Every structure is written in C-alpha cells, then in structure tokens.
C-alpha cells in the first residue's frame, strides 16, 4: 500500500493548475514588460547620447565659426595695418619732398637776402665803427625791438642809405639804444 499511495497521490485540481499557469503567464508578462522597459530606457539613453553628440557638434560648429570670424577680423586688421604702413610711407615720402623743397626754398631765400643783409652790415659798420659780428648783432637786436625781420630791416637801411628811401618803406629804425 505504501507504494500505491505514492502513485495514487492526489493530482492538483484543474483550477490550481490554471492558477499556476496564469501565475507563470503573469510573471512572463512582467518579465517582458521589464525587458521592454529596459529596452525603452536603453533607447532613451541612446537618444540622450545622440542629443549630446548633436549639441557637441553644434558647439564645435559654433567654435569653428568663431575661429573663422576671428581669422577674418585678423585678416582685416592685417590689411588695415598694411594700408596704414603704405600711408605712412607715402607721408614720409611727402615729408622728405617737403623738407627737400623747404631746404631748397630756405637756401634760395638766403641767397636772395644775403647780399642786402651784407650791404646793411657794411653800412652799420661804417656808421657805428664796429666789426661784422657786432654790426650783425646790432641789426638782430634792432629787428627784435621793432618786430621786423632782419632782411626787411636790411632793405630799409640800404634804401635809406642810397637815397631810394622815399615813401612808406623809409622808416627810421634806431640801431643802438642808449641804456643808462
């Protein structure tokens, strides 16, 4: 009997079997939902990674654009510097020409006025009984006192001395002052 009993053990009722099958189906369904949830989360992580990559690409593009603009600004600054250098060279050339012309003009004026100044010095030396340096010094001081350039003062002295001093240019300018 003992062995028959084992064989004749009561079988689970169909309701119990159904409940176990339902439980297995429910657990399988939960596992499938969990797998779907894991897959959905993995897709979200992949989407977030793609979004981060896209944003990184946009930042890299923006950095490239900033670099390109900086290069353009640097090129423009180089061009401005080059043009400024050209203008400076042209200005230097004009200055050299002006100085050359100016020096030539000054020499020409000296050549034109030197004879009359030398004549005036000779007249002053004859009148005052002094040497050439003192005569020029007297002319210079008289020029400063009267606020008349030496060359004009020399013309007046020569004109007065030669008798051609009639008219408004015949101004008498004292060459010496009597200091107490």
N, C-alpha and C. Protein backbone atom coordinates (compact mmCIF):
# COMPACT_ATOMS: atom_id res chain seq x y z
N UNK A 1 0.78 -1.16 0.00
CA UNK A 1 0.00 0.00 0.00
C UNK A 1 0.83 1.24 0.00
N UNK A 2 1.87 1.12 0.60
CA UNK A 2 2.74 2.28 0.67
C UNK A 2 3.14 2.75 -0.68
N UNK A 3 3.43 1.84 -1.57
CA UNK A 3 3.86 2.29 -2.89
C UNK A 3 2.68 2.71 -3.72
N UNK A 4 1.53 2.18 -3.43
CA UNK A 4 0.36 2.61 -4.17
C UNK A 4 -0.03 4.02 -3.80
N UNK A 5 0.27 4.31 -2.61
CA UNK A 5 -0.09 5.64 -2.14
C UNK A 5 0.68 6.71 -2.90
N UNK A 6 1.91 6.41 -3.11
CA UNK A 6 2.70 7.40 -3.80
C UNK A 6 2.16 7.58 -5.20
N UNK A 7 1.78 6.50 -5.75
CA UNK A 7 1.27 6.58 -7.09
C UNK A 7 -0.08 7.22 -7.11
N UNK A 8 -0.80 6.98 -6.16
CA UNK A 8 -2.15 7.48 -6.15
C UNK A 8 -2.26 8.81 -5.47
N UNK A 9 -1.17 9.52 -5.44
CA UNK A 9 -1.20 10.83 -4.79
C UNK A 9 -2.20 11.72 -5.52
N UNK A 10 -2.83 12.54 -4.74
CA UNK A 10 -3.86 13.35 -5.38
C UNK A 10 -3.24 14.33 -6.38
N UNK A 11 -3.80 14.42 -7.46
CA UNK A 11 -3.35 15.33 -8.50
C UNK A 11 -3.95 16.69 -8.22
N UNK A 12 -3.20 17.70 -8.70
CA UNK A 12 -3.68 19.04 -8.47
C UNK A 12 -4.94 19.26 -9.28
N UNK A 13 -5.75 20.02 -8.72
CA UNK A 13 -7.02 20.27 -9.37
C UNK A 13 -6.80 21.16 -10.60
N UNK A 14 -7.68 21.07 -11.52
CA UNK A 14 -7.50 21.88 -12.73
C UNK A 14 -7.50 23.37 -12.40
N UNK A 15 -8.15 23.80 -11.40
CA UNK A 15 -8.14 25.23 -11.04
C UNK A 15 -6.76 25.64 -10.55
N UNK A 16 -6.17 24.73 -9.80
CA UNK A 16 -4.83 25.03 -9.30
C UNK A 16 -3.85 25.08 -10.44
N UNK A 17 -3.97 24.17 -11.34
CA UNK A 17 -3.07 24.16 -12.50
C UNK A 17 -3.26 25.43 -13.32
N UNK A 18 -4.47 25.80 -13.47
CA UNK A 18 -4.76 27.01 -14.22
C UNK A 18 -4.17 28.22 -13.50
N UNK A 19 -4.28 28.24 -12.16
CA UNK A 19 -3.76 29.36 -11.38
C UNK A 19 -2.25 29.43 -11.53
N UNK A 20 -1.58 28.26 -11.50
CA UNK A 20 -0.13 28.25 -11.68
C UNK A 20 0.23 28.70 -13.08
N UNK A 21 -0.49 28.27 -14.07
CA UNK A 21 -0.22 28.69 -15.44
C UNK A 21 -0.45 30.18 -15.58
N UNK A 22 -1.51 30.65 -14.97
CA UNK A 22 -1.78 32.10 -15.00
C UNK A 22 -0.65 32.86 -14.32
N UNK A 23 -0.16 32.33 -13.20
CA UNK A 23 0.94 32.98 -12.47
C UNK A 23 2.19 33.00 -13.33
N UNK A 24 2.46 31.85 -13.99
CA UNK A 24 3.62 31.80 -14.89
C UNK A 24 3.45 32.81 -16.03
N UNK A 25 2.25 32.88 -16.60
CA UNK A 25 1.99 33.84 -17.68
C UNK A 25 2.15 35.27 -17.18
N UNK A 26 1.65 35.54 -15.98
CA UNK A 26 1.75 36.88 -15.40
C UNK A 26 3.21 37.23 -15.19
N UNK A 27 4.02 36.30 -14.64
CA UNK A 27 5.44 36.55 -14.42
C UNK A 27 6.17 36.74 -15.75
N UNK A 28 5.81 35.93 -16.74
CA UNK A 28 6.43 36.07 -18.07
C UNK A 28 6.07 37.43 -18.65
N UNK A 29 4.80 37.82 -18.45
CA UNK A 29 4.37 39.13 -18.94
C UNK A 29 5.13 40.24 -18.21
N UNK A 30 5.32 40.12 -16.91
CA UNK A 30 6.07 41.11 -16.14
C UNK A 30 7.52 41.16 -16.61
N UNK A 31 8.10 39.95 -16.86
CA UNK A 31 9.47 39.92 -17.37
C UNK A 31 9.54 40.61 -18.74
N UNK A 32 8.54 40.37 -19.58
CA UNK A 32 8.51 41.01 -20.90
C UNK A 32 8.36 42.52 -20.74
N UNK A 33 7.50 42.96 -19.81
CA UNK A 33 7.34 44.39 -19.55
C UNK A 33 8.64 44.99 -19.04
N UNK A 34 9.32 44.26 -18.15
CA UNK A 34 10.59 44.76 -17.62
C UNK A 34 11.62 44.84 -18.73
N UNK A 35 11.63 43.82 -19.63
CA UNK A 35 12.56 43.83 -20.76
C UNK A 35 12.23 45.01 -21.68
N UNK A 36 10.92 45.22 -21.93
CA UNK A 36 10.52 46.36 -22.75
C UNK A 36 10.93 47.67 -22.09
N UNK A 37 10.75 47.75 -20.77
CA UNK A 37 11.14 48.96 -20.02
C UNK A 37 12.64 49.18 -20.12
N UNK A 38 13.42 48.10 -19.98
CA UNK A 38 14.88 48.22 -20.11
C UNK A 38 15.25 48.68 -21.52
N UNK A 39 14.57 48.11 -22.52
CA UNK A 39 14.84 48.49 -23.90
C UNK A 39 14.46 49.95 -24.14
N UNK A 40 13.30 50.36 -23.59
CA UNK A 40 12.88 51.75 -23.72
C UNK A 40 13.89 52.68 -23.06
N UNK A 41 14.37 52.31 -21.86
CA UNK A 41 15.37 53.11 -21.17
C UNK A 41 16.68 53.16 -21.96
N UNK A 42 17.06 52.04 -22.54
CA UNK A 42 18.27 52.00 -23.37
C UNK A 42 18.10 52.91 -24.58
N UNK A 43 16.89 52.87 -25.19
CA UNK A 43 16.62 53.77 -26.33
C UNK A 43 16.69 55.23 -25.88
N UNK A 44 16.13 55.52 -24.70
CA UNK A 44 16.20 56.90 -24.18
C UNK A 44 17.64 57.33 -23.93
N UNK A 45 18.44 56.40 -23.36
CA UNK A 45 19.86 56.72 -23.14
C UNK A 45 20.58 56.95 -24.46
N UNK A 46 20.26 56.10 -25.45
CA UNK A 46 20.88 56.27 -26.78
C UNK A 46 20.43 57.60 -27.40
N UNK A 47 19.15 57.94 -27.24
CA UNK A 47 18.65 59.22 -27.74
C UNK A 47 19.32 60.39 -27.05
N UNK A 48 19.49 60.26 -25.72
CA UNK A 48 20.16 61.33 -24.97
C UNK A 48 21.62 61.45 -25.41
N UNK A 49 22.27 60.30 -25.65
CA UNK A 49 23.66 60.32 -26.14
C UNK A 49 23.72 60.97 -27.51
N UNK A 50 22.75 60.62 -28.37
CA UNK A 50 22.70 61.24 -29.70
C UNK A 50 22.49 62.76 -29.58
N UNK A 51 21.62 63.16 -28.67
CA UNK A 51 21.36 64.59 -28.45
C UNK A 51 22.63 65.30 -27.94
N UNK A 52 23.33 64.64 -27.02
CA UNK A 52 24.59 65.22 -26.53
C UNK A 52 25.60 65.35 -27.67
N UNK A 53 25.67 64.31 -28.51
CA UNK A 53 26.56 64.37 -29.67
C UNK A 53 26.17 65.49 -30.62
N UNK A 54 24.86 65.63 -30.86
CA UNK A 54 24.37 66.68 -31.75
C UNK A 54 24.73 68.06 -31.18
N UNK A 55 24.52 68.22 -29.87
CA UNK A 55 24.87 69.50 -29.23
C UNK A 55 26.37 69.75 -29.27
N UNK A 56 27.15 68.70 -29.06
CA UNK A 56 28.61 68.83 -29.14
C UNK A 56 29.02 69.24 -30.55
N UNK A 57 28.36 68.64 -31.56
CA UNK A 57 28.65 69.02 -32.95
C UNK A 57 28.28 70.49 -33.19
N UNK A 58 27.13 70.92 -32.64
CA UNK A 58 26.73 72.32 -32.80
C UNK A 58 27.74 73.25 -32.12
N UNK A 59 28.19 72.86 -30.92
CA UNK A 59 29.19 73.69 -30.23
C UNK A 59 30.48 73.74 -31.03
N UNK A 60 30.89 72.60 -31.59
CA UNK A 60 32.11 72.56 -32.41
C UNK A 60 31.94 73.44 -33.65
N UNK A 61 30.74 73.36 -34.28
CA UNK A 61 30.47 74.21 -35.44
C UNK A 61 30.52 75.69 -35.06
N UNK A 62 29.93 76.02 -33.90
CA UNK A 62 29.94 77.41 -33.44
C UNK A 62 31.37 77.86 -33.16
N UNK A 63 32.17 76.98 -32.55
CA UNK A 63 33.57 77.32 -32.29
C UNK A 63 34.33 77.52 -33.60
N UNK A 64 34.05 76.67 -34.58
CA UNK A 64 34.68 76.83 -35.90
C UNK A 64 34.28 78.16 -36.53
N UNK A 65 33.01 78.52 -36.39
CA UNK A 65 32.53 79.79 -36.95
C UNK A 65 33.19 80.98 -36.24
N UNK A 66 33.31 80.87 -34.91
CA UNK A 66 34.01 81.94 -34.17
C UNK A 66 35.45 82.05 -34.62
N UNK A 67 36.11 80.90 -34.81
CA UNK A 67 37.50 80.92 -35.28
C UNK A 67 37.59 81.53 -36.68
N UNK A 68 36.65 81.19 -37.54
CA UNK A 68 36.64 81.73 -38.90
C UNK A 68 36.46 83.25 -38.85
N UNK A 69 35.53 83.71 -38.00
CA UNK A 69 35.31 85.16 -37.87
C UNK A 69 36.54 85.84 -37.28
N UNK A 70 37.16 85.20 -36.31
CA UNK A 70 38.39 85.77 -35.72
C UNK A 70 39.49 85.86 -36.78
N UNK A 71 39.58 84.83 -37.62
CA UNK A 71 40.56 84.86 -38.71
C UNK A 71 40.26 86.01 -39.67
N UNK A 72 38.97 86.19 -39.99
CA UNK A 72 38.59 87.29 -40.88
C UNK A 72 38.92 88.64 -40.25
N UNK A 73 38.65 88.77 -38.93
CA UNK A 73 38.99 90.03 -38.25
C UNK A 73 40.50 90.25 -38.26
N UNK A 74 41.26 89.18 -38.03
CA UNK A 74 42.72 89.31 -38.04
C UNK A 74 43.21 89.69 -39.44
N UNK A 75 42.61 89.07 -40.46
CA UNK A 75 42.98 89.43 -41.83
C UNK A 75 42.65 90.89 -42.12
N UNK A 76 41.47 91.34 -41.66
CA UNK A 76 41.09 92.74 -41.87
C UNK A 76 42.05 93.68 -41.14
N UNK A 77 42.43 93.29 -39.92
CA UNK A 77 43.38 94.12 -39.16
C UNK A 77 44.73 94.16 -39.86
N UNK A 78 45.16 93.02 -40.39
CA UNK A 78 46.42 92.99 -41.14
C UNK A 78 46.34 93.90 -42.37
N UNK A 79 45.20 93.87 -43.04
CA UNK A 79 45.01 94.72 -44.22
C UNK A 79 45.03 96.20 -43.82
N UNK A 80 44.36 96.53 -42.69
CA UNK A 80 44.39 97.92 -42.21
C UNK A 80 45.81 98.33 -41.87
N UNK A 81 46.55 97.44 -41.21
CA UNK A 81 47.95 97.75 -40.87
C UNK A 81 48.78 97.94 -42.12
N UNK A 82 48.55 97.09 -43.13
CA UNK A 82 49.30 97.21 -44.38
C UNK A 82 48.99 98.55 -45.05
N UNK A 83 47.71 98.92 -45.07
CA UNK A 83 47.33 100.21 -45.67
C UNK A 83 47.91 101.37 -44.87
N UNK A 84 47.90 101.25 -43.55
CA UNK A 84 48.48 102.30 -42.71
C UNK A 84 49.97 102.43 -42.98
N UNK A 85 50.65 101.28 -43.15
CA UNK A 85 52.08 101.32 -43.47
C UNK A 85 52.31 102.03 -44.80
N UNK A 86 51.45 101.72 -45.78
CA UNK A 86 51.58 102.36 -47.09
C UNK A 86 51.35 103.87 -46.96
N UNK A 87 50.30 104.25 -46.19
CA UNK A 87 50.05 105.68 -45.99
C UNK A 87 51.21 106.35 -45.28
N UNK A 88 51.79 105.65 -44.29
CA UNK A 88 52.93 106.22 -43.55
C UNK A 88 54.13 106.39 -44.48
N UNK A 89 54.37 105.39 -45.34
CA UNK A 89 55.47 105.51 -46.29
C UNK A 89 55.23 106.67 -47.25
N UNK A 90 54.00 106.81 -47.71
CA UNK A 90 53.68 107.92 -48.61
C UNK A 90 53.85 109.25 -47.89
N UNK A 91 53.41 109.31 -46.63
CA UNK A 91 53.57 110.55 -45.86
C UNK A 91 55.05 110.85 -45.64
N UNK A 92 55.83 109.82 -45.36
CA UNK A 92 57.28 110.03 -45.19
C UNK A 92 57.89 110.56 -46.48
N UNK A 93 57.44 110.01 -47.60
CA UNK A 93 57.96 110.47 -48.90
C UNK A 93 57.57 111.93 -49.13
N UNK A 94 56.30 112.27 -48.81
CA UNK A 94 55.87 113.67 -48.95
C UNK A 94 56.66 114.57 -48.03
N UNK A 95 56.89 114.10 -46.79
CA UNK A 95 57.67 114.91 -45.85
C UNK A 95 59.08 115.12 -46.37
N UNK A 96 59.68 114.05 -46.92
CA UNK A 96 61.03 114.20 -47.47
C UNK A 96 61.04 115.21 -48.63
N UNK A 97 60.00 115.13 -49.47
CA UNK A 97 59.91 116.08 -50.57
C UNK A 97 59.73 117.49 -50.06
N UNK A 98 58.85 117.65 -49.04
CA UNK A 98 58.64 118.98 -48.47
C UNK A 98 59.92 119.51 -47.84
N UNK A 99 60.61 118.63 -47.09
CA UNK A 99 61.85 119.07 -46.46
C UNK A 99 62.88 119.44 -47.52
N UNK A 100 62.93 118.64 -48.56
CA UNK A 100 63.86 118.93 -49.64
C UNK A 100 63.48 120.26 -50.28
N UNK A 101 62.20 120.42 -50.60
CA UNK A 101 61.74 121.68 -51.17
C UNK A 101 61.92 122.81 -50.18
N UNK A 102 61.64 122.54 -48.91
CA UNK A 102 61.76 123.56 -47.87
C UNK A 102 63.22 123.98 -47.72
N UNK A 103 64.12 122.99 -47.68
CA UNK A 103 65.54 123.31 -47.56
C UNK A 103 66.00 124.11 -48.77
N UNK A 104 65.54 123.70 -49.94
CA UNK A 104 65.90 124.42 -51.16
C UNK A 104 65.34 125.84 -51.11
N UNK A 105 64.10 125.97 -50.68
CA UNK A 105 63.49 127.29 -50.58
C UNK A 105 64.24 128.17 -49.58
N UNK A 106 64.62 127.57 -48.46
CA UNK A 106 65.37 128.36 -47.46
C UNK A 106 66.71 128.82 -48.02
N UNK A 107 67.40 127.91 -48.72
CA UNK A 107 68.69 128.29 -49.31
C UNK A 107 68.50 129.37 -50.37
N UNK A 108 67.43 129.22 -51.15
CA UNK A 108 67.15 130.23 -52.18
C UNK A 108 66.87 131.58 -51.53
N UNK A 109 66.08 131.59 -50.47
CA UNK A 109 65.78 132.85 -49.77
C UNK A 109 67.05 133.46 -49.19
N UNK A 110 67.90 132.60 -48.63
CA UNK A 110 69.16 133.13 -48.08
C UNK A 110 70.02 133.73 -49.18
N UNK A 111 70.08 133.08 -50.32
CA UNK A 111 70.87 133.60 -51.43
C UNK A 111 70.32 134.94 -51.91
N UNK A 112 68.98 135.07 -51.86
CA UNK A 112 68.38 136.33 -52.31
C UNK A 112 68.55 137.44 -51.28
N UNK A 113 68.51 137.10 -50.00
CA UNK A 113 68.57 138.14 -48.97
C UNK A 113 69.97 138.40 -48.45
N UNK A 114 70.89 137.45 -48.66
CA UNK A 114 72.23 137.63 -48.10
C UNK A 114 72.93 138.89 -48.61
N UNK A 115 72.87 139.20 -49.91
CA UNK A 115 73.58 140.41 -50.36
C UNK A 115 73.06 141.68 -49.69
N UNK A 116 71.76 141.82 -49.54
CA UNK A 116 71.23 143.04 -48.93
C UNK A 116 71.58 143.09 -47.44
N UNK A 117 71.60 141.94 -46.77
CA UNK A 117 71.99 141.93 -45.34
C UNK A 117 73.47 142.30 -45.22
N UNK A 118 74.29 141.76 -46.13
CA UNK A 118 75.71 142.10 -46.09
C UNK A 118 75.92 143.59 -46.37
N UNK A 119 75.14 144.17 -47.29
CA UNK A 119 75.24 145.61 -47.56
C UNK A 119 74.86 146.41 -46.33
N UNK A 120 73.77 145.97 -45.64
CA UNK A 120 73.32 146.68 -44.44
C UNK A 120 74.37 146.57 -43.35
N UNK A 121 74.99 145.39 -43.22
CA UNK A 121 76.08 145.23 -42.23
C UNK A 121 77.21 146.21 -42.53
N UNK A 122 77.55 146.34 -43.82
CA UNK A 122 78.62 147.28 -44.20
C UNK A 122 78.25 148.70 -43.85
N UNK A 123 77.00 149.10 -44.06
CA UNK A 123 76.55 150.46 -43.73
C UNK A 123 76.64 150.67 -42.23
N UNK A 124 76.16 149.69 -41.45
CA UNK A 124 76.20 149.80 -39.98
C UNK A 124 77.65 149.86 -39.51
N UNK A 125 78.53 149.04 -40.09
CA UNK A 125 79.94 149.05 -39.69
C UNK A 125 80.54 150.44 -39.97
N UNK A 126 80.16 151.06 -41.10
CA UNK A 126 80.68 152.39 -41.43
C UNK A 126 80.13 153.45 -40.50
N UNK A 127 78.86 153.37 -40.14
CA UNK A 127 78.24 154.37 -39.28
C UNK A 127 78.66 154.22 -37.82
N UNK A 128 78.74 152.98 -37.34
CA UNK A 128 78.99 152.72 -35.93
C UNK A 128 80.46 152.46 -35.65
N UNK A 129 81.25 152.21 -36.66
CA UNK A 129 82.67 151.93 -36.46
C UNK A 129 82.88 150.63 -35.71
N UNK A 130 82.22 149.58 -36.13
CA UNK A 130 82.34 148.27 -35.45
C UNK A 130 82.69 147.20 -36.46
N UNK A 131 82.90 145.96 -35.97
CA UNK A 131 83.22 144.82 -36.82
C UNK A 131 81.97 144.15 -37.35
N UNK A 132 82.13 143.15 -38.24
CA UNK A 132 80.98 142.49 -38.86
C UNK A 132 80.06 141.76 -37.86
N UNK A 133 80.65 141.10 -36.85
CA UNK A 133 79.81 140.37 -35.88
C UNK A 133 78.97 141.35 -35.07
N UNK A 134 79.61 142.48 -34.61
CA UNK A 134 78.87 143.46 -33.82
C UNK A 134 77.81 144.13 -34.68
N UNK A 135 78.11 144.39 -35.96
CA UNK A 135 77.14 145.01 -36.86
C UNK A 135 75.92 144.09 -37.03
N UNK A 136 76.16 142.80 -37.22
CA UNK A 136 75.04 141.86 -37.34
C UNK A 136 74.26 141.78 -36.04
N UNK A 137 74.95 141.81 -34.91
CA UNK A 137 74.27 141.78 -33.61
C UNK A 137 73.38 143.02 -33.45
N UNK A 138 73.90 144.23 -33.88
CA UNK A 138 73.08 145.44 -33.82
C UNK A 138 71.84 145.30 -34.71
N UNK A 139 72.01 144.74 -35.91
CA UNK A 139 70.87 144.50 -36.80
C UNK A 139 69.86 143.53 -36.16
N UNK A 140 70.36 142.46 -35.57
CA UNK A 140 69.48 141.47 -34.94
C UNK A 140 68.67 142.08 -33.81
N UNK A 141 69.35 142.86 -32.95
CA UNK A 141 68.63 143.48 -31.82
C UNK A 141 67.61 144.51 -32.30
N UNK A 142 67.97 145.32 -33.31
CA UNK A 142 67.02 146.29 -33.85
C UNK A 142 65.82 145.58 -34.47
N UNK A 143 66.07 144.44 -35.12
CA UNK A 143 65.00 143.63 -35.71
C UNK A 143 64.05 143.13 -34.62
N UNK A 144 64.61 142.67 -33.53
CA UNK A 144 63.77 142.15 -32.43
C UNK A 144 62.98 143.27 -31.77
N UNK A 145 63.63 144.42 -31.54
CA UNK A 145 62.93 145.55 -30.91
C UNK A 145 61.77 146.04 -31.75
N UNK A 146 62.00 146.13 -33.05
CA UNK A 146 60.97 146.69 -33.93
C UNK A 146 60.03 145.62 -34.49
N UNK A 147 60.30 144.35 -34.18
CA UNK A 147 59.48 143.23 -34.67
C UNK A 147 59.40 143.23 -36.19
N UNK A 148 60.55 143.46 -36.81
CA UNK A 148 60.69 143.47 -38.27
C UNK A 148 61.77 142.45 -38.60
N UNK A 149 61.56 141.58 -39.57
CA UNK A 149 62.60 140.61 -39.93
C UNK A 149 63.88 141.32 -40.37
N UNK A 150 65.02 140.70 -40.12
CA UNK A 150 66.33 141.29 -40.44
C UNK A 150 66.41 141.63 -41.92
N UNK A 151 65.90 140.74 -42.79
CA UNK A 151 66.03 141.01 -44.23
C UNK A 151 65.27 142.27 -44.61
N UNK A 152 64.08 142.51 -44.00
CA UNK A 152 63.32 143.72 -44.30
C UNK A 152 64.03 144.95 -43.72
N UNK A 153 64.57 144.81 -42.53
CA UNK A 153 65.32 145.91 -41.91
C UNK A 153 66.53 146.25 -42.78
N UNK A 154 67.20 145.23 -43.30
CA UNK A 154 68.37 145.46 -44.16
C UNK A 154 67.96 146.20 -45.43
N UNK A 155 66.81 145.83 -46.02
CA UNK A 155 66.32 146.52 -47.22
C UNK A 155 66.07 147.99 -46.89
N UNK A 156 65.48 148.27 -45.74
CA UNK A 156 65.19 149.66 -45.34
C UNK A 156 66.49 150.45 -45.16
N UNK A 157 67.47 149.83 -44.52
CA UNK A 157 68.75 150.53 -44.28
C UNK A 157 69.45 150.84 -45.60
N UNK A 158 69.50 149.87 -46.49
CA UNK A 158 70.15 150.08 -47.79
C UNK A 158 69.40 151.14 -48.59
N UNK A 159 68.06 151.06 -48.58
CA UNK A 159 67.27 152.05 -49.32
C UNK A 159 67.48 153.45 -48.77
N UNK A 160 67.53 153.62 -47.46
CA UNK A 160 67.74 154.93 -46.84
C UNK A 160 69.14 155.43 -47.18
N UNK A 161 70.11 154.54 -47.17
CA UNK A 161 71.50 154.92 -47.41
C UNK A 161 71.72 155.35 -48.85
N UNK A 162 71.03 154.72 -49.79
CA UNK A 162 71.22 155.04 -51.21
C UNK A 162 70.31 156.15 -51.67
N UNK A 163 69.43 156.64 -50.79
CA UNK A 163 68.55 157.73 -51.16
C UNK A 163 67.29 157.26 -51.84
N UNK A 164 67.08 155.97 -51.90
CA UNK A 164 65.85 155.44 -52.50
C UNK A 164 64.80 155.19 -51.41
N UNK A 165 64.95 155.79 -50.31
CA UNK A 165 64.09 155.50 -49.17
C UNK A 165 62.87 156.35 -49.12
N UNK A 166 62.44 156.95 -50.19
CA UNK A 166 61.22 157.75 -50.17
C UNK A 166 60.01 156.84 -50.08
N UNK A 167 59.01 157.32 -49.48
CA UNK A 167 57.77 156.55 -49.38
C UNK A 167 57.66 155.82 -48.06
N UNK A 168 56.69 154.94 -47.98
CA UNK A 168 56.39 154.28 -46.71
C UNK A 168 57.48 153.34 -46.24
N UNK A 169 58.40 152.91 -47.11
CA UNK A 169 59.44 152.00 -46.66
C UNK A 169 60.57 152.74 -45.98
N UNK A 170 60.61 154.05 -46.07
CA UNK A 170 61.69 154.82 -45.45
C UNK A 170 61.37 155.04 -43.99
N UNK A 171 61.51 154.00 -43.22
CA UNK A 171 61.24 154.08 -41.79
C UNK A 171 62.57 154.14 -41.09
N UNK A 172 62.70 155.06 -40.16
CA UNK A 172 63.94 155.18 -39.42
C UNK A 172 63.88 154.27 -38.21
N UNK A 173 64.81 153.35 -38.13
CA UNK A 173 64.86 152.40 -37.03
C UNK A 173 66.19 152.61 -36.34
N UNK A 174 66.17 152.99 -35.06
CA UNK A 174 67.45 153.19 -34.37
C UNK A 174 68.18 151.86 -34.20
N UNK A 175 69.47 151.88 -34.53
CA UNK A 175 70.24 150.64 -34.42
C UNK A 175 70.78 150.46 -33.00
N UNK A 176 71.00 151.53 -32.33
CA UNK A 176 71.51 151.44 -30.95
C UNK A 176 70.52 152.07 -30.02
N UNK A 177 70.53 151.59 -28.82
CA UNK A 177 69.71 152.20 -27.78
C UNK A 177 70.64 152.76 -26.74
N UNK A 178 70.23 153.81 -26.17
CA UNK A 178 71.08 154.43 -25.15
C UNK A 178 70.61 153.96 -23.79
N UNK A 179 71.28 152.97 -23.27
CA UNK A 179 70.94 152.43 -21.97
C UNK A 179 71.63 153.27 -20.92
N UNK A 180 70.96 153.65 -19.85
CA UNK A 180 71.59 154.47 -18.81
C UNK A 180 72.70 153.75 -18.10
